[in-house]
């Protein structure tokens, strides 16, 4: 990760009677959540509405941050990058067909842009 950022993996969050575990949470150097990231292992044409709802809920209701991303194993034909009420949701790719080091660097750059 670039300086000033850290990733929290499988961070368990209690929200009332429900506990959720986002795949990844991007935080600043003080540990404040900046973005919720949910990894998907399917390759649809576009994100499923339930996936968008899930990651937006994690961001707004569980962590109080305004950004979320769905990460797919390759770029989607119809990516999204838009506001859903109080949360900006976009799709990103960790391209498993490319060099994994380069794919990771590319993803890290997209997270902070």
PDB file of N, CA and C in Angstrom:
ATOM      1  N   UNK A   1       0.836  -1.187   0.000  1.00  0.00           N
ATOM      2  CA  UNK A   1       0.000   0.000   0.000  1.00  0.00           C
ATOM      3  C   UNK A   1       0.879   1.248   0.000  1.00  0.00           C
ATOM      4  N   UNK A   2       0.408   2.293  -0.649  1.00  0.00           N
ATOM      5  CA  UNK A   2       1.147   3.559  -0.590  1.00  0.00           C
ATOM      6  C   UNK A   2       1.224   4.068   0.846  1.00  0.00           C
ATOM      7  N   UNK A   3       2.207   4.910   1.114  1.00  0.00           N
ATOM      8  CA  UNK A   3       2.384   5.481   2.450  1.00  0.00           C
ATOM      9  C   UNK A   3       1.104   6.185   2.888  1.00  0.00           C
ATOM     10  N   UNK A   4       0.771   6.020   4.162  1.00  0.00           N
ATOM     11  CA  UNK A   4      -0.416   6.678   4.716  1.00  0.00           C
ATOM     12  C   UNK A   4      -1.679   5.838   4.656  1.00  0.00           C
ATOM     13  N   UNK A   5      -1.594   4.644   4.075  1.00  0.00           N
ATOM     14  CA  UNK A   5      -2.757   3.765   3.949  1.00  0.00           C
ATOM     15  C   UNK A   5      -2.409   2.382   4.493  1.00  0.00           C
ATOM     16  N   UNK A   6      -3.434   1.702   4.970  1.00  0.00           N
ATOM     17  CA  UNK A   6      -3.269   0.321   5.393  1.00  0.00           C
ATOM     18  C   UNK A   6      -4.545  -0.447   5.068  1.00  0.00           C
ATOM     19  N   UNK A   7      -4.424  -1.764   4.940  1.00  0.00           N
ATOM     20  CA  UNK A   7      -5.574  -2.622   4.692  1.00  0.00           C
ATOM     21  C   UNK A   7      -5.825  -3.484   5.906  1.00  0.00           C
ATOM     22  N   UNK A   8      -7.068  -3.528   6.322  1.00  0.00           N
ATOM     23  CA  UNK A   8      -7.473  -4.440   7.383  1.00  0.00           C
ATOM     24  C   UNK A   8      -8.214  -5.586   6.700  1.00  0.00           C
ATOM     25  N   UNK A   9      -7.808  -6.812   6.985  1.00  0.00           N
ATOM     26  CA  UNK A   9      -8.358  -7.996   6.320  1.00  0.00           C
ATOM     27  C   UNK A   9      -9.337  -8.694   7.247  1.00  0.00           C
ATOM     28  N   UNK A  10     -10.515  -9.053   6.690  1.00  0.00           N
ATOM     29  CA  UNK A  10     -11.540  -9.799   7.425  1.00  0.00           C
ATOM     30  C   UNK A  10     -11.812  -9.180   8.804  1.00  0.00           C
ATOM     31  N   UNK A  11     -12.065  -7.887   8.811  1.00  0.00           N
ATOM     32  CA  UNK A  11     -12.325  -7.134  10.042  1.00  0.00           C
ATOM     33  C   UNK A  11     -13.771  -7.361  10.483  1.00  0.00           C
ATOM     34  N   UNK A  12     -13.968  -7.989  11.622  1.00  0.00           N
ATOM     35  CA  UNK A  12     -15.308  -8.308  12.131  1.00  0.00           C
ATOM     36  C   UNK A  12     -15.909  -7.079  12.801  1.00  0.00           C
ATOM     37  N   UNK A  13     -17.161  -6.754  12.427  1.00  0.00           N
ATOM     38  CA  UNK A  13     -17.838  -5.570  12.936  1.00  0.00           C
ATOM     39  C   UNK A  13     -19.199  -5.989  13.479  1.00  0.00           C
ATOM     40  N   UNK A  14     -19.493  -5.616  14.704  1.00  0.00           N
ATOM     41  CA  UNK A  14     -20.803  -5.895  15.296  1.00  0.00           C
ATOM     42  C   UNK A  14     -21.720  -4.708  15.029  1.00  0.00           C
ATOM     43  N   UNK A  15     -22.883  -4.982  14.459  1.00  0.00           N
ATOM     44  CA  UNK A  15     -23.887  -3.946  14.210  1.00  0.00           C
ATOM     45  C   UNK A  15     -25.202  -4.448  14.790  1.00  0.00           C
ATOM     46  N   UNK A  16     -25.496  -4.052  16.008  1.00  0.00           N
ATOM     47  CA  UNK A  16     -26.697  -4.544  16.681  1.00  0.00           C
ATOM     48  C   UNK A  16     -26.570  -6.031  16.948  1.00  0.00           C
ATOM     49  N   UNK A  17     -27.536  -6.800  16.490  1.00  0.00           N
ATOM     50  CA  UNK A  17     -27.529  -8.252  16.675  1.00  0.00           C
ATOM     51  C   UNK A  17     -26.777  -8.978  15.572  1.00  0.00           C
ATOM     52  N   UNK A  18     -26.221  -8.245  14.653  1.00  0.00           N
ATOM     53  CA  UNK A  18     -25.582  -8.826  13.480  1.00  0.00           C
ATOM     54  C   UNK A  18     -24.091  -8.518  13.483  1.00  0.00           C
ATOM     55  N   UNK A  19     -23.292  -9.499  13.137  1.00  0.00           N
ATOM     56  CA  UNK A  19     -21.854  -9.281  12.958  1.00  0.00           C
ATOM     57  C   UNK A  19     -21.538  -9.488  11.486  1.00  0.00           C
ATOM     58  N   UNK A  20     -20.826  -8.543  10.894  1.00  0.00           N
ATOM     59  CA  UNK A  20     -20.438  -8.658   9.491  1.00  0.00           C
ATOM     60  C   UNK A  20     -18.915  -8.642   9.400  1.00  0.00           C
ATOM     61  N   UNK A  21     -18.418  -9.189   8.300  1.00  0.00           N
ATOM     62  CA  UNK A  21     -16.973  -9.265   8.107  1.00  0.00           C
ATOM     63  C   UNK A  21     -16.627  -8.876   6.672  1.00  0.00           C
ATOM     64  N   UNK A  22     -16.391  -7.597   6.422  1.00  0.00           N
ATOM     65  CA  UNK A  22     -15.947  -7.210   5.082  1.00  0.00           C
ATOM     66  C   UNK A  22     -14.619  -7.875   4.745  1.00  0.00           C
ATOM     67  N   UNK A  23     -14.408  -8.158   3.465  1.00  0.00           N
ATOM     68  CA  UNK A  23     -13.148  -8.768   3.043  1.00  0.00           C
ATOM     69  C   UNK A  23     -11.963  -7.875   3.383  1.00  0.00           C
ATOM     70  N   UNK A  24     -12.063  -6.602   3.005  1.00  0.00           N
ATOM     71  CA  UNK A  24     -10.973  -5.646   3.219  1.00  0.00           C
ATOM     72  C   UNK A  24     -11.544  -4.278   3.580  1.00  0.00           C
ATOM     73  N   UNK A  25     -10.823  -3.554   4.420  1.00  0.00           N
ATOM     74  CA  UNK A  25     -11.160  -2.166   4.722  1.00  0.00           C
ATOM     75  C   UNK A  25      -9.899  -1.340   4.533  1.00  0.00           C
ATOM     76  N   UNK A  26      -9.962  -0.351   3.649  1.00  0.00           N
ATOM     77  CA  UNK A  26      -8.852   0.576   3.456  1.00  0.00           C
ATOM     78  C   UNK A  26      -8.962   1.644   4.529  1.00  0.00           C
ATOM     79  N   UNK A  27      -7.864   1.847   5.268  1.00  0.00           N
ATOM     80  CA  UNK A  27      -7.849   2.817   6.362  1.00  0.00           C
ATOM     81  C   UNK A  27      -6.722   3.818   6.163  1.00  0.00           C
ATOM     82  N   UNK A  28      -6.894   4.994   6.781  1.00  0.00           N
ATOM     83  CA  UNK A  28      -5.793   5.949   6.789  1.00  0.00           C
ATOM     84  C   UNK A  28      -4.829   5.571   7.902  1.00  0.00           C
ATOM     85  N   UNK A  29      -3.781   6.372   8.086  1.00  0.00           N
ATOM     86  CA  UNK A  29      -2.742   6.028   9.063  1.00  0.00           C
ATOM     87  C   UNK A  29      -3.253   6.054  10.496  1.00  0.00           C
ATOM     88  N   UNK A  30      -4.392   6.675  10.733  1.00  0.00           N
ATOM     89  CA  UNK A  30      -4.975   6.711  12.081  1.00  0.00           C
ATOM     90  C   UNK A  30      -5.972   5.574  12.316  1.00  0.00           C
ATOM     91  N   UNK A  31      -6.158   4.726  11.307  1.00  0.00           N
ATOM     92  CA  UNK A  31      -7.097   3.617  11.437  1.00  0.00           C
ATOM     93  C   UNK A  31      -8.534   3.964  11.114  1.00  0.00           C
ATOM     94  N   UNK A  32      -8.763   5.145  10.528  1.00  0.00           N
ATOM     95  CA  UNK A  32     -10.119   5.531  10.137  1.00  0.00           C
ATOM     96  C   UNK A  32     -10.473   4.863   8.811  1.00  0.00           C
ATOM     97  N   UNK A  33     -11.650   4.236   8.723  1.00  0.00           N
ATOM     98  CA  UNK A  33     -12.047   3.571   7.482  1.00  0.00           C
ATOM     99  C   UNK A  33     -12.298   4.579   6.360  1.00  0.00           C
ATOM    100  N   UNK A  34     -11.724   4.304   5.203  1.00  0.00           N
ATOM    101  CA  UNK A  34     -11.895   5.147   4.026  1.00  0.00           C
ATOM    102  C   UNK A  34     -12.742   4.469   2.957  1.00  0.00           C
ATOM    103  N   UNK A  35     -12.607   3.131   2.846  1.00  0.00           N
ATOM    104  CA  UNK A  35     -13.298   2.399   1.791  1.00  0.00           C
ATOM    105  C   UNK A  35     -13.454   0.937   2.193  1.00  0.00           C
ATOM    106  N   UNK A  36     -14.610   0.381   1.884  1.00  0.00           N
ATOM    107  CA  UNK A  36     -14.856  -1.042   2.086  1.00  0.00           C
ATOM    108  C   UNK A  36     -14.655  -1.743   0.752  1.00  0.00           C
ATOM    109  N   UNK A  37     -13.954  -2.869   0.773  1.00  0.00           N
ATOM    110  CA  UNK A  37     -13.661  -3.621  -0.447  1.00  0.00           C
ATOM    111  C   UNK A  37     -14.185  -5.046  -0.291  1.00  0.00           C
ATOM    112  N   UNK A  38     -14.924  -5.494  -1.276  1.00  0.00           N
ATOM    113  CA  UNK A  38     -15.446  -6.852  -1.258  1.00  0.00           C
ATOM    114  C   UNK A  38     -14.957  -7.571  -2.503  1.00  0.00           C
ATOM    115  N   UNK A  39     -14.308  -8.703  -2.304  1.00  0.00           N
ATOM    116  CA  UNK A  39     -13.767  -9.466  -3.434  1.00  0.00           C
ATOM    117  C   UNK A  39     -14.804 -10.435  -3.963  1.00  0.00           C
ATOM    118  N   UNK A  40     -14.847 -10.559  -5.265  1.00  0.00           N
ATOM    119  CA  UNK A  40     -15.754 -11.477  -5.944  1.00  0.00           C
ATOM    120  C   UNK A  40     -14.925 -12.401  -6.824  1.00  0.00           C
ATOM    121  N   UNK A  41     -15.367 -13.630  -6.921  1.00  0.00           N
ATOM    122  CA  UNK A  41     -14.614 -14.611  -7.712  1.00  0.00           C
ATOM    123  C   UNK A  41     -15.340 -14.998  -8.984  1.00  0.00           C
ATOM    124  N   UNK A  42     -16.435 -14.337  -9.240  1.00  0.00           N
ATOM    125  CA  UNK A  42     -17.173 -14.557 -10.477  1.00  0.00           C
ATOM    126  C   UNK A  42     -16.791 -13.448 -11.456  1.00  0.00           C
ATOM    127  N   UNK A  43     -17.112 -13.663 -12.719  1.00  0.00           N
ATOM    128  CA  UNK A  43     -16.816 -12.646 -13.734  1.00  0.00           C
ATOM    129  C   UNK A  43     -18.098 -12.357 -14.514  1.00  0.00           C
ATOM    130  N   UNK A  44     -18.983 -11.556 -13.941  1.00  0.00           N
ATOM    131  CA  UNK A  44     -20.216 -11.206 -14.647  1.00  0.00           C
ATOM    132  C   UNK A  44     -19.952 -10.093 -15.656  1.00  0.00           C
ATOM    133  N   UNK A  45     -20.949  -9.761 -16.430  1.00  0.00           N
ATOM    134  CA  UNK A  45     -20.854  -8.620 -17.334  1.00  0.00           C
ATOM    135  C   UNK A  45     -20.847  -7.322 -16.533  1.00  0.00           C
ATOM    136  N   UNK A  46     -21.683  -7.300 -15.495  1.00  0.00           N
ATOM    137  CA  UNK A  46     -21.790  -6.143 -14.614  1.00  0.00           C
ATOM    138  C   UNK A  46     -22.071  -6.635 -13.201  1.00  0.00           C
ATOM    139  N   UNK A  47     -21.880  -5.797 -12.182  1.00  0.00           N
ATOM    140  CA  UNK A  47     -22.113  -6.246 -10.809  1.00  0.00           C
ATOM    141  C   UNK A  47     -23.587  -6.553 -10.558  1.00  0.00           C
ATOM    142  N   UNK A  48     -23.835  -7.536  -9.731  1.00  0.00           N
ATOM    143  CA  UNK A  48     -25.202  -7.869  -9.334  1.00  0.00           C
ATOM    144  C   UNK A  48     -25.699  -6.829  -8.334  1.00  0.00           C
ATOM    145  N   UNK A  49     -26.981  -6.458  -8.406  1.00  0.00           N
ATOM    146  CA  UNK A  49     -27.514  -5.476  -7.456  1.00  0.00           C
ATOM    147  C   UNK A  49     -27.273  -5.863  -5.997  1.00  0.00           C
ATOM    148  N   UNK A  50     -27.407  -7.146  -5.663  1.00  0.00           N
ATOM    149  CA  UNK A  50     -27.211  -7.556  -4.271  1.00  0.00           C
ATOM    150  C   UNK A  50     -25.766  -7.359  -3.807  1.00  0.00           C
ATOM    151  N   UNK A  51     -24.809  -7.457  -4.722  1.00  0.00           N
ATOM    152  CA  UNK A  51     -23.414  -7.197  -4.371  1.00  0.00           C
ATOM    153  C   UNK A  51     -23.196  -5.711  -4.091  1.00  0.00           C
ATOM    154  N   UNK A  52     -23.840  -4.877  -4.893  1.00  0.00           N
ATOM    155  CA  UNK A  52     -23.760  -3.420  -4.673  1.00  0.00           C
ATOM    156  C   UNK A  52     -24.394  -3.070  -3.333  1.00  0.00           C
ATOM    157  N   UNK A  53     -25.578  -3.611  -3.060  1.00  0.00           N
ATOM    158  CA  UNK A  53     -26.261  -3.331  -1.789  1.00  0.00           C
ATOM    159  C   UNK A  53     -25.411  -3.757  -0.607  1.00  0.00           C
ATOM    160  N   UNK A  54     -24.797  -4.935  -0.708  1.00  0.00           N
ATOM    161  CA  UNK A  54     -23.991  -5.461   0.389  1.00  0.00           C
ATOM    162  C   UNK A  54     -22.827  -4.538   0.719  1.00  0.00           C
ATOM    163  N   UNK A  55     -22.041  -4.186  -0.280  1.00  0.00           N
ATOM    164  CA  UNK A  55     -20.848  -3.376  -0.023  1.00  0.00           C
ATOM    165  C   UNK A  55     -21.244  -1.954   0.394  1.00  0.00           C
ATOM    166  N   UNK A  56     -22.341  -1.423  -0.141  1.00  0.00           N
ATOM    167  CA  UNK A  56     -22.816  -0.093   0.270  1.00  0.00           C
ATOM    168  C   UNK A  56     -23.293  -0.120   1.725  1.00  0.00           C
ATOM    169  N   UNK A  57     -23.962  -1.196   2.119  1.00  0.00           N
ATOM    170  CA  UNK A  57     -24.393  -1.336   3.520  1.00  0.00           C
ATOM    171  C   UNK A  57     -23.191  -1.393   4.448  1.00  0.00           C
ATOM    172  N   UNK A  58     -22.205  -2.204   4.095  1.00  0.00           N
ATOM    173  CA  UNK A  58     -20.995  -2.295   4.908  1.00  0.00           C
ATOM    174  C   UNK A  58     -20.376  -0.914   5.100  1.00  0.00           C
ATOM    175  N   UNK A  59     -20.269  -0.170   4.003  1.00  0.00           N
ATOM    176  CA  UNK A  59     -19.615   1.142   4.067  1.00  0.00           C
ATOM    177  C   UNK A  59     -20.415   2.134   4.904  1.00  0.00           C
ATOM    178  N   UNK A  60     -21.690   2.304   4.588  1.00  0.00           N
ATOM    179  CA  UNK A  60     -22.461   3.361   5.248  1.00  0.00           C
ATOM    180  C   UNK A  60     -22.929   2.979   6.638  1.00  0.00           C
ATOM    181  N   UNK A  61     -23.514   1.823   6.795  1.00  0.00           N
ATOM    182  CA  UNK A  61     -24.121   1.465   8.075  1.00  0.00           C
ATOM    183  C   UNK A  61     -23.130   0.892   9.075  1.00  0.00           C
ATOM    184  N   UNK A  62     -22.198   0.083   8.630  1.00  0.00           N
ATOM    185  CA  UNK A  62     -21.290  -0.579   9.562  1.00  0.00           C
ATOM    186  C   UNK A  62     -20.046   0.251   9.872  1.00  0.00           C
ATOM    187  N   UNK A  63     -19.542   0.995   8.875  1.00  0.00           N
ATOM    188  CA  UNK A  63     -18.276   1.711   9.077  1.00  0.00           C
ATOM    189  C   UNK A  63     -18.383   3.224   8.966  1.00  0.00           C
ATOM    190  N   UNK A  64     -19.490   3.726   8.462  1.00  0.00           N
ATOM    191  CA  UNK A  64     -19.659   5.167   8.362  1.00  0.00           C
ATOM    192  C   UNK A  64     -18.722   5.832   7.378  1.00  0.00           C
ATOM    193  N   UNK A  65     -18.338   5.118   6.323  1.00  0.00           N
ATOM    194  CA  UNK A  65     -17.501   5.750   5.292  1.00  0.00           C
ATOM    195  C   UNK A  65     -18.300   5.823   3.987  1.00  0.00           C
ATOM    196  N   UNK A  66     -17.902   6.675   3.105  1.00  0.00           N
ATOM    197  CA  UNK A  66     -18.680   6.953   1.913  1.00  0.00           C
ATOM    198  C   UNK A  66     -18.171   6.329   0.631  1.00  0.00           C
ATOM    199  N   UNK A  67     -17.246   5.368   0.738  1.00  0.00           N
ATOM    200  CA  UNK A  67     -16.706   4.754  -0.482  1.00  0.00           C
ATOM    201  C   UNK A  67     -16.660   3.242  -0.328  1.00  0.00           C
ATOM    202  N   UNK A  68     -16.929   2.565  -1.454  1.00  0.00           N
ATOM    203  CA  UNK A  68     -16.902   1.105  -1.464  1.00  0.00           C
ATOM    204  C   UNK A  68     -16.511   0.642  -2.862  1.00  0.00           C
ATOM    205  N   UNK A  69     -15.939  -0.555  -2.922  1.00  0.00           N
ATOM    206  CA  UNK A  69     -15.550  -1.115  -4.222  1.00  0.00           C
ATOM    207  C   UNK A  69     -15.755  -2.621  -4.223  1.00  0.00           C
ATOM    208  N   UNK A  70     -16.131  -3.113  -5.378  1.00  0.00           N
ATOM    209  CA  UNK A  70     -16.218  -4.546  -5.638  1.00  0.00           C
ATOM    210  C   UNK A  70     -15.015  -4.901  -6.499  1.00  0.00           C
ATOM    211  N   UNK A  71     -14.251  -5.895  -6.075  1.00  0.00           N
ATOM    212  CA  UNK A  71     -13.031  -6.277  -6.794  1.00  0.00           C
ATOM    213  C   UNK A  71     -13.261  -7.621  -7.476  1.00  0.00           C
ATOM    214  N   UNK A  72     -13.050  -7.641  -8.788  1.00  0.00           N
ATOM    215  CA  UNK A  72     -13.249  -8.838  -9.606  1.00  0.00           C
ATOM    216  C   UNK A  72     -11.908  -9.349 -10.133  1.00  0.00           C
ATOM    217  N   UNK A  73     -11.857 -10.635 -10.547  1.00  0.00           N
ATOM    218  CA  UNK A  73     -10.585 -11.207 -11.012  1.00  0.00           C
ATOM    219  C   UNK A  73     -10.154 -10.734 -12.399  1.00  0.00           C
ATOM    220  N   UNK A  74     -10.971  -9.948 -13.048  1.00  0.00           N
ATOM    221  CA  UNK A  74     -10.594  -9.295 -14.302  1.00  0.00           C
ATOM    222  C   UNK A  74     -11.567  -8.148 -14.544  1.00  0.00           C
ATOM    223  N   UNK A  75     -11.208  -7.185 -15.378  1.00  0.00           N
ATOM    224  CA  UNK A  75     -12.102  -6.049 -15.621  1.00  0.00           C
ATOM    225  C   UNK A  75     -13.454  -6.513 -16.177  1.00  0.00           C
ATOM    226  N   UNK A  76     -14.513  -5.838 -15.747  1.00  0.00           N
ATOM    227  CA  UNK A  76     -15.855  -6.165 -16.223  1.00  0.00           C
ATOM    228  C   UNK A  76     -16.162  -5.449 -17.526  1.00  0.00           C
ATOM    229  N   UNK A  77     -17.050  -6.032 -18.314  1.00  0.00           N
ATOM    230  CA  UNK A  77     -17.480  -5.384 -19.553  1.00  0.00           C
ATOM    231  C   UNK A  77     -18.258  -4.109 -19.258  1.00  0.00           C
ATOM    232  N   UNK A  78     -19.023  -4.113 -18.171  1.00  0.00           N
ATOM    233  CA  UNK A  78     -19.832  -2.948 -17.790  1.00  0.00           C
ATOM    234  C   UNK A  78     -19.531  -2.575 -16.337  1.00  0.00           C
ATOM    235  N   UNK A  79     -18.386  -1.941 -16.105  1.00  0.00           N
ATOM    236  CA  UNK A  79     -18.031  -1.545 -14.735  1.00  0.00           C
ATOM    237  C   UNK A  79     -18.946  -0.425 -14.241  1.00  0.00           C
ATOM    238  N   UNK A  80     -18.947  -0.210 -12.944  1.00  0.00           N
ATOM    239  CA  UNK A  80     -19.705   0.910 -12.381  1.00  0.00           C
ATOM    240  C   UNK A  80     -18.760   1.838 -11.637  1.00  0.00           C
ATOM    241  N   UNK A  81     -19.176   3.081 -11.544  1.00  0.00           N
ATOM    242  CA  UNK A  81     -18.455   4.108 -10.811  1.00  0.00           C
ATOM    243  C   UNK A  81     -19.455   5.219 -10.549  1.00  0.00           C
ATOM    244  N   UNK A  82     -20.300   5.007  -9.531  1.00  0.00           N
ATOM    245  CA  UNK A  82     -21.377   5.962  -9.301  1.00  0.00           C
ATOM    246  C   UNK A  82     -21.816   6.010  -7.847  1.00  0.00           C
ATOM    247  N   UNK A  83     -22.590   7.024  -7.548  1.00  0.00           N
ATOM    248  CA  UNK A  83     -23.097   7.259  -6.207  1.00  0.00           C
ATOM    249  C   UNK A  83     -24.403   6.497  -6.015  1.00  0.00           C
ATOM    250  N   UNK A  84     -24.527   5.784  -4.896  1.00  0.00           N
ATOM    251  CA  UNK A  84     -25.762   5.126  -4.476  1.00  0.00           C
ATOM    252  C   UNK A  84     -26.110   5.709  -3.117  1.00  0.00           C
ATOM    253  N   UNK A  85     -27.017   6.661  -3.108  1.00  0.00           N
ATOM    254  CA  UNK A  85     -27.357   7.416  -1.906  1.00  0.00           C
ATOM    255  C   UNK A  85     -26.089   8.028  -1.325  1.00  0.00           C
ATOM    256  N   UNK A  86     -25.647   7.594  -0.141  1.00  0.00           N
ATOM    257  CA  UNK A  86     -24.506   8.238   0.511  1.00  0.00           C
ATOM    258  C   UNK A  86     -23.172   7.563   0.229  1.00  0.00           C
ATOM    259  N   UNK A  87     -23.155   6.528  -0.609  1.00  0.00           N
ATOM    260  CA  UNK A  87     -21.933   5.762  -0.836  1.00  0.00           C
ATOM    261  C   UNK A  87     -21.561   5.759  -2.318  1.00  0.00           C
ATOM    262  N   UNK A  88     -20.310   6.079  -2.591  1.00  0.00           N
ATOM    263  CA  UNK A  88     -19.790   5.995  -3.952  1.00  0.00           C
ATOM    264  C   UNK A  88     -19.253   4.574  -4.139  1.00  0.00           C
ATOM    265  N   UNK A  89     -19.814   3.841  -5.100  1.00  0.00           N
ATOM    266  CA  UNK A  89     -19.436   2.448  -5.350  1.00  0.00           C
ATOM    267  C   UNK A  89     -18.818   2.345  -6.740  1.00  0.00           C
ATOM    268  N   UNK A  90     -17.726   1.603  -6.814  1.00  0.00           N
ATOM    269  CA  UNK A  90     -17.112   1.357  -8.119  1.00  0.00           C
ATOM    270  C   UNK A  90     -16.591  -0.073  -8.184  1.00  0.00           C
ATOM    271  N   UNK A  91     -16.306  -0.507  -9.397  1.00  0.00           N
ATOM    272  CA  UNK A  91     -15.717  -1.827  -9.584  1.00  0.00           C
ATOM    273  C   UNK A  91     -14.248  -1.653  -9.934  1.00  0.00           C
ATOM    274  N   UNK A  92     -13.446  -2.580  -9.423  1.00  0.00           N
ATOM    275  CA  UNK A  92     -12.014  -2.611  -9.689  1.00  0.00           C
ATOM    276  C   UNK A  92     -11.642  -4.027 -10.085  1.00  0.00           C
ATOM    277  N   UNK A  93     -10.429  -4.193 -10.583  1.00  0.00           N
ATOM    278  CA  UNK A  93      -9.981  -5.532 -10.970  1.00  0.00           C
ATOM    279  C   UNK A  93      -8.622  -5.843 -10.371  1.00  0.00           C
ATOM    280  N   UNK A  94      -8.484  -7.058  -9.895  1.00  0.00           N
ATOM    281  CA  UNK A  94      -7.185  -7.648  -9.573  1.00  0.00           C
ATOM    282  C   UNK A  94      -7.042  -8.743 -10.615  1.00  0.00           C
ATOM    283  N   UNK A  95      -6.425  -8.400 -11.727  1.00  0.00           N
ATOM    284  CA  UNK A  95      -6.405  -9.260 -12.907  1.00  0.00           C
ATOM    285  C   UNK A  95      -5.550 -10.497 -12.673  1.00  0.00           C
ATOM    286  N   UNK A  96      -6.220 -11.635 -12.481  1.00  0.00           N
ATOM    287  CA  UNK A  96      -5.515 -12.883 -12.217  1.00  0.00           C
ATOM    288  C   UNK A  96      -4.843 -13.472 -13.448  1.00  0.00           C
ATOM    289  N   UNK A  97      -5.125 -12.914 -14.626  1.00  0.00           N
ATOM    290  CA  UNK A  97      -4.465 -13.390 -15.842  1.00  0.00           C
ATOM    291  C   UNK A  97      -3.142 -12.665 -16.078  1.00  0.00           C
ATOM    292  N   UNK A  98      -2.896 -11.599 -15.327  1.00  0.00           N
ATOM    293  CA  UNK A  98      -1.668 -10.806 -15.479  1.00  0.00           C
ATOM    294  C   UNK A  98      -0.643 -11.239 -14.437  1.00  0.00           C
ATOM    295  N   UNK A  99       0.534 -10.644 -14.490  1.00  0.00           N
ATOM    296  CA  UNK A  99       1.547 -10.841 -13.456  1.00  0.00           C
ATOM    297  C   UNK A  99       0.945 -10.378 -12.126  1.00  0.00           C
ATOM    298  N   UNK A 100       0.960 -11.226 -11.108  1.00  0.00           N
ATOM    299  CA  UNK A 100       0.267 -10.921  -9.859  1.00  0.00           C
ATOM    300  C   UNK A 100       0.857  -9.715  -9.134  1.00  0.00           C
ATOM    301  N   UNK A 101       2.161  -9.538  -9.191  1.00  0.00           N
ATOM    302  CA  UNK A 101       2.777  -8.364  -8.565  1.00  0.00           C
ATOM    303  C   UNK A 101       2.293  -7.085  -9.236  1.00  0.00           C
ATOM    304  N   UNK A 102       2.273  -7.091 -10.562  1.00  0.00           N
ATOM    305  CA  UNK A 102       1.791  -5.926 -11.299  1.00  0.00           C
ATOM    306  C   UNK A 102       0.304  -5.690 -11.058  1.00  0.00           C
ATOM    307  N   UNK A 103      -0.464  -6.778 -10.994  1.00  0.00           N
ATOM    308  CA  UNK A 103      -1.901  -6.650 -10.731  1.00  0.00           C
ATOM    309  C   UNK A 103      -2.139  -6.027  -9.361  1.00  0.00           C
ATOM    310  N   UNK A 104      -1.361  -6.435  -8.373  1.00  0.00           N
ATOM    311  CA  UNK A 104      -1.480  -5.867  -7.034  1.00  0.00           C
ATOM    312  C   UNK A 104      -1.104  -4.392  -6.995  1.00  0.00           C
ATOM    313  N   UNK A 105      -0.040  -4.030  -7.683  1.00  0.00           N
ATOM    314  CA  UNK A 105       0.369  -2.626  -7.744  1.00  0.00           C
ATOM    315  C   UNK A 105      -0.690  -1.779  -8.441  1.00  0.00           C
ATOM    316  N   UNK A 106      -1.253  -2.318  -9.501  1.00  0.00           N
ATOM    317  CA  UNK A 106      -2.301  -1.601 -10.225  1.00  0.00           C
ATOM    318  C   UNK A 106      -3.526  -1.378  -9.336  1.00  0.00           C
ATOM    319  N   UNK A 107      -3.931  -2.415  -8.620  1.00  0.00           N
ATOM    320  CA  UNK A 107      -5.076  -2.287  -7.721  1.00  0.00           C
ATOM    321  C   UNK A 107      -4.800  -1.268  -6.620  1.00  0.00           C
ATOM    322  N   UNK A 108      -3.638  -1.334  -6.008  1.00  0.00           N
ATOM    323  CA  UNK A 108      -3.288  -0.384  -4.937  1.00  0.00           C
ATOM    324  C   UNK A 108      -3.356   1.046  -5.451  1.00  0.00           C
ATOM    325  N   UNK A 109      -2.891   1.275  -6.672  1.00  0.00           N
ATOM    326  CA  UNK A 109      -2.964   2.608  -7.251  1.00  0.00           C
ATOM    327  C   UNK A 109      -4.380   3.065  -7.483  1.00  0.00           C
ATOM    328  N   UNK A 110      -5.259   2.153  -7.879  1.00  0.00           N
ATOM    329  CA  UNK A 110      -6.663   2.494  -8.096  1.00  0.00           C
ATOM    330  C   UNK A 110      -7.377   2.826  -6.790  1.00  0.00           C
ATOM    331  N   UNK A 111      -6.977   2.180  -5.710  1.00  0.00           N
ATOM    332  CA  UNK A 111      -7.630   2.398  -4.425  1.00  0.00           C
ATOM    333  C   UNK A 111      -7.456   3.820  -3.924  1.00  0.00           C
ATOM    334  N   UNK A 112      -6.303   4.380  -4.131  1.00  0.00           N
ATOM    335  CA  UNK A 112      -6.015   5.703  -3.578  1.00  0.00           C
ATOM    336  C   UNK A 112      -6.204   6.827  -4.593  1.00  0.00           C
ATOM    337  N   UNK A 113      -6.684   6.499  -5.779  1.00  0.00           N
ATOM    338  CA  UNK A 113      -6.904   7.551  -6.793  1.00  0.00           C
ATOM    339  C   UNK A 113      -8.306   8.097  -6.729  1.00  0.00           C
TER     340      UNK A 113
END
